[in-house]
Amino acid sequence: MREFVFEIRYDDGVDELMDLFIETPEARSTTFLCSMGNAQLWRLDRITGPTSVVEDATALLTGSTYNQLSISARPCGGRHYSDVLENGSQRSLVYSYFEDLVHCDSVPTITNRYINGALLFEITRQENTERWRILMEDDKKVGMLYDTLGGVLQDGLSFHFDHVSDAAGPLLTLFDSVSVRPEQSRVLELAAEKGYYETPRETTLDDIATELGWPRSTVSYRLRQAEAALVEAYITTI
């Protein structure tokens, strides 16, 4: 597996979430994200720091007005679901799911234009810097991705290349000990078996719901909860 690592740095006053980290250097967030094509992704954000920053960051990530994904001046269109999985005085854990994304200049959707196969993203935010690590099977078109990312940034953001190399550090083997509830495991296993996570996708939530004899809403909810459990296990180890 290969990794592409870079930073996006923010000027003060450009992004509400990054402003919180700029104003409070001891605050930090760590994010794990999985992109499922150009129109769908899920993400888990771990925020740590002073209580006021954690509360404000959690409110932004669960609200409907903050432009969470786009790195250009154009907000992404689509639907957003969020759930606070942990809410403490100095740390929180927020699960987010995005679907039907359109006109979306986000790092994951742009990456999907150039890179085939499974894609995983790790993002850390501290002070004015958002550090991205993209894990991929093939980096042949990373140069085109590099050019596009740098070219769409809105005013006040700057792109800084770090490296492209073989992946190093913790990967998905850290999921080995995670516990997923039986009803969630059933839908997750069937989704993987039927090609739900393939690119292009080989099945739909409706197909999975029909096979299980469950309502589509139940399948969607249990799949999101299983994904969130997997990602939480990963985040807590990094």
Protein backbone atom coordinates (compact mmCIF):
# COMPACT_ATOMS: atom_id res chain seq x y z
CA MET A 1 0.00 0.00 0.00
CA ARG A 2 1.16 3.54 -0.78
CA GLU A 3 0.57 6.76 1.10
CA PHE A 4 0.31 10.38 -0.04
CA VAL A 5 0.88 12.89 2.76
CA PHE A 6 0.37 16.63 2.55
CA GLU A 7 -0.81 19.61 4.59
CA ILE A 8 -3.44 22.28 4.01
CA ARG A 9 -2.76 25.40 6.06
CA TYR A 10 -5.47 27.91 6.93
CA ASP A 11 -5.36 31.64 7.46
CA ASP A 12 -7.22 32.97 10.47
CA GLY A 13 -10.89 33.70 9.75
CA VAL A 14 -11.28 31.38 6.75
CA ASP A 15 -12.77 28.25 8.38
CA GLU A 16 -14.83 28.12 11.59
CA LEU A 17 -13.46 24.77 12.76
CA MET A 18 -9.83 25.58 12.02
CA ASP A 19 -10.23 28.93 13.79
CA LEU A 20 -10.87 26.99 17.00
CA PHE A 21 -7.52 25.20 16.67
CA ILE A 22 -5.71 28.37 15.64
CA GLU A 23 -7.00 30.16 18.72
CA THR A 24 -6.29 27.21 21.05
CA PRO A 25 -2.96 25.50 20.19
CA GLU A 26 -3.46 22.73 22.77
CA ALA A 27 -6.63 21.54 21.02
CA ARG A 28 -6.44 18.79 18.42
CA SER A 29 -8.61 16.54 16.29
CA THR A 30 -7.89 13.21 14.65
CA THR A 31 -10.13 11.97 11.86
CA PHE A 32 -10.52 8.68 10.04
CA LEU A 33 -12.49 8.79 6.79
CA CYS A 34 -13.60 6.23 4.24
CA SER A 35 -14.75 7.36 0.80
CA MET A 36 -17.19 5.21 -1.18
CA GLY A 37 -17.00 6.79 -4.61
CA ASN A 38 -17.72 10.39 -5.53
CA ALA A 39 -21.06 10.69 -3.75
CA GLN A 40 -20.76 8.96 -0.39
CA LEU A 41 -18.39 8.89 2.58
CA TRP A 42 -18.29 8.39 6.32
CA ARG A 43 -16.01 9.90 8.90
CA LEU A 44 -15.14 9.74 12.58
CA ASP A 45 -13.71 12.80 14.34
CA ARG A 46 -11.98 12.65 17.73
CA ILE A 47 -11.69 16.14 19.25
CA THR A 48 -9.60 16.82 22.35
CA GLY A 49 -8.82 20.03 24.21
CA PRO A 50 -10.41 22.57 26.54
CA THR A 51 -14.11 22.05 27.18
CA SER A 52 -15.23 25.14 25.27
CA VAL A 53 -13.31 24.12 22.14
CA VAL A 54 -14.59 20.54 22.27
CA GLU A 55 -18.16 21.76 22.63
CA ASP A 56 -17.86 24.30 19.81
CA ALA A 57 -16.15 21.82 17.45
CA THR A 58 -18.76 19.15 18.18
CA ALA A 59 -21.55 21.63 17.48
CA LEU A 60 -20.00 22.54 14.12
CA LEU A 61 -19.54 18.91 13.07
CA THR A 62 -23.11 17.97 13.97
CA GLY A 63 -24.75 21.14 12.66
CA SER A 64 -26.19 21.85 9.23
CA THR A 65 -24.57 25.19 8.35
CA TYR A 66 -20.81 24.54 8.58
CA ASN A 67 -19.13 23.72 5.25
CA GLN A 68 -17.45 20.52 6.42
CA LEU A 69 -15.99 19.05 3.26
CA SER A 70 -15.19 21.57 0.55
CA ILE A 71 -11.72 23.09 0.19
CA SER A 72 -12.94 25.52 -2.48
CA ALA A 73 -15.29 28.47 -2.13
CA ARG A 74 -18.19 26.26 -3.32
CA PRO A 75 -20.02 24.29 -0.59
CA CYS A 76 -20.79 20.63 -1.22
CA GLY A 77 -24.39 19.67 -1.89
CA GLY A 78 -25.84 16.51 -0.39
CA ARG A 79 -27.21 14.97 2.79
CA HIS A 80 -25.46 14.75 6.15
CA TYR A 81 -26.17 12.52 9.16
CA SER A 82 -24.19 12.75 12.42
CA ASP A 83 -24.14 11.09 15.80
CA VAL A 84 -22.14 11.99 18.92
CA LEU A 85 -20.70 8.67 20.10
CA GLU A 86 -18.81 10.13 23.07
CA ASN A 87 -19.30 13.48 24.76
CA GLY A 88 -16.92 14.30 27.61
CA SER A 89 -15.70 17.55 29.11
CA GLN A 90 -12.40 17.53 27.19
CA ARG A 91 -12.99 15.05 24.37
CA SER A 92 -15.73 14.00 22.01
CA LEU A 93 -16.21 11.51 19.22
CA VAL A 94 -18.46 12.41 16.29
CA TYR A 95 -19.58 10.01 13.54
CA SER A 96 -20.67 11.63 10.26
CA TYR A 97 -22.16 10.13 7.11
CA PHE A 98 -22.52 12.02 3.83
CA GLU A 99 -24.45 10.86 0.77
CA ASP A 100 -25.70 12.17 -2.58
CA LEU A 101 -22.76 14.58 -2.70
CA VAL A 102 -22.79 16.90 -5.71
CA HIS A 103 -20.50 19.72 -6.86
CA CYS A 104 -18.16 18.71 -4.05
CA ASP A 105 -14.58 19.96 -4.07
CA SER A 106 -13.49 17.87 -1.09
CA VAL A 107 -10.20 16.01 -0.77
CA PRO A 108 -11.93 12.57 -0.81
CA THR A 109 -14.18 13.25 -3.82
CA ILE A 110 -11.30 14.80 -5.80
CA THR A 111 -9.09 11.82 -4.91
CA ASN A 112 -11.74 9.45 -6.28
CA ARG A 113 -11.45 11.11 -9.69
CA TYR A 114 -7.86 9.94 -10.07
CA ILE A 115 -7.19 7.02 -7.74
CA ASN A 116 -8.89 3.65 -8.18
CA GLY A 117 -9.46 0.99 -5.54
CA ALA A 118 -9.91 1.24 -1.78
CA LEU A 119 -9.06 4.61 -0.24
CA LEU A 120 -8.59 5.46 3.42
CA PHE A 121 -7.90 8.90 4.84
CA GLU A 122 -6.36 10.04 8.12
CA ILE A 123 -6.54 13.73 9.01
CA THR A 124 -5.09 15.57 11.99
CA ARG A 125 -5.85 19.20 12.82
CA GLN A 126 -3.76 21.36 15.11
CA GLU A 127 -3.20 25.11 15.12
CA ASN A 128 -3.49 26.27 11.49
CA THR A 129 -2.62 22.92 9.89
CA GLU A 130 -4.75 20.09 8.53
CA ARG A 131 -2.46 17.14 7.79
CA TRP A 132 -3.78 14.51 5.35
CA ARG A 133 -2.59 10.95 4.89
CA ILE A 134 -4.22 9.10 2.00
CA LEU A 135 -3.72 5.33 1.87
CA MET A 136 -4.10 3.82 -1.61
CA GLU A 137 -3.32 0.74 -3.64
CA ASP A 138 -1.90 2.60 -6.66
CA ASP A 139 -0.28 6.05 -6.80
CA LYS A 140 0.16 6.35 -10.58
CA LYS A 141 -2.02 9.47 -10.83
CA VAL A 142 -0.91 11.18 -7.63
CA GLY A 143 0.70 13.93 -9.71
CA MET A 144 -2.66 14.84 -11.25
CA LEU A 145 -4.28 14.70 -7.81
CA TYR A 146 -1.55 16.98 -6.44
CA ASP A 147 -2.16 19.55 -9.19
CA THR A 148 -5.95 19.50 -8.77
CA LEU A 149 -5.91 19.85 -4.99
CA GLY A 150 -3.58 22.82 -5.17
CA GLY A 151 -5.62 24.40 -7.93
CA VAL A 152 -9.06 24.39 -6.26
CA LEU A 153 -8.12 25.81 -2.86
CA GLN A 154 -10.09 28.87 -1.84
CA ASP A 155 -8.33 32.05 -0.79
CA GLY A 156 -6.72 31.71 2.62
CA LEU A 157 -5.74 28.04 2.17
CA SER A 158 -2.32 26.82 1.01
CA PHE A 159 -1.14 23.36 -0.07
CA HIS A 160 2.14 21.87 1.19
CA PHE A 161 3.44 18.54 -0.17
CA ASP A 162 5.14 16.16 2.25
CA HIS A 163 5.78 12.78 0.60
CA VAL A 164 4.58 9.83 -1.46
CA SER A 165 5.98 6.48 -0.29
CA ASP A 166 5.16 3.00 0.92
CA ALA A 167 2.69 3.24 3.79
CA ALA A 168 4.17 3.13 7.27
CA GLY A 169 2.46 3.09 10.66
CA PRO A 170 -0.80 1.59 11.95
CA LEU A 171 -3.29 0.30 9.40
CA LEU A 172 -6.47 -1.76 9.43
CA THR A 173 -4.91 -4.68 11.32
CA LEU A 174 -5.80 -2.66 14.40
CA PHE A 175 -9.44 -3.66 13.84
CA ASP A 176 -8.70 -7.27 14.77
CA SER A 177 -9.96 -6.92 18.34
CA VAL A 178 -12.98 -4.70 17.71
CA SER A 179 -16.38 -5.96 18.88
CA VAL A 180 -19.40 -5.36 16.62
CA ARG A 181 -22.93 -6.26 17.77
CA PRO A 182 -24.37 -9.39 16.05
CA GLU A 183 -27.13 -7.56 14.14
CA GLN A 184 -24.58 -5.01 12.91
CA SER A 185 -22.06 -7.71 12.01
CA ARG A 186 -24.66 -9.53 9.91
CA VAL A 187 -25.40 -6.56 7.68
CA LEU A 188 -21.71 -5.55 7.50
CA GLU A 189 -20.64 -9.02 6.41
CA LEU A 190 -23.40 -9.24 3.80
CA ALA A 191 -22.55 -5.78 2.46
CA ALA A 192 -18.89 -6.78 2.04
CA GLU A 193 -19.82 -10.15 0.51
CA LYS A 194 -22.16 -8.57 -2.05
CA GLY A 195 -19.66 -5.91 -3.13
CA TYR A 196 -21.12 -2.86 -1.40
CA TYR A 197 -17.62 -1.51 -0.78
CA GLU A 198 -16.30 -2.24 -4.26
CA THR A 199 -15.68 0.52 -6.82
CA PRO A 200 -17.98 0.67 -8.68
CA ARG A 201 -20.46 -0.62 -6.11
CA GLU A 202 -21.95 -4.03 -6.93
CA THR A 203 -25.03 -3.85 -4.72
CA THR A 204 -27.25 -1.31 -2.98
CA LEU A 205 -28.80 -0.84 0.44
CA ASP A 206 -32.16 -1.77 -1.10
CA ASP A 207 -30.73 -5.09 -2.35
CA ILE A 208 -29.24 -5.86 1.06
CA ALA A 209 -32.51 -4.94 2.81
CA THR A 210 -34.45 -7.26 0.47
CA GLU A 211 -32.12 -10.18 1.14
CA LEU A 212 -32.27 -9.70 4.90
CA GLY A 213 -35.99 -8.94 4.95
CA TRP A 214 -35.35 -5.75 6.91
CA PRO A 215 -36.49 -2.16 6.23
CA ARG A 216 -33.93 -0.14 4.30
CA SER A 217 -33.70 2.35 7.17
CA THR A 218 -32.73 -0.45 9.57
CA VAL A 219 -30.03 -1.72 7.21
CA SER A 220 -28.65 1.78 6.74
CA TYR A 221 -28.61 2.50 10.48
CA ARG A 222 -26.98 -0.80 11.48
CA LEU A 223 -24.36 -0.51 8.75
CA ARG A 224 -23.45 3.01 9.88
CA GLN A 225 -23.19 1.85 13.49
CA ALA A 226 -20.92 -1.06 12.52
CA GLU A 227 -18.70 1.25 10.49
CA ALA A 228 -18.55 3.70 13.37
CA ALA A 229 -17.50 0.92 15.79
CA LEU A 230 -14.69 -0.14 13.46
CA VAL A 231 -13.44 3.39 13.02
CA GLU A 232 -13.65 4.17 16.75
CA ALA A 233 -11.45 1.16 17.45
CA TYR A 234 -8.95 2.49 14.95
CA ILE A 235 -8.99 6.08 16.24
CA THR A 236 -8.43 5.08 19.87
CA THR A 237 -5.18 3.34 18.92
CA ILE A 238 -3.52 6.22 17.07
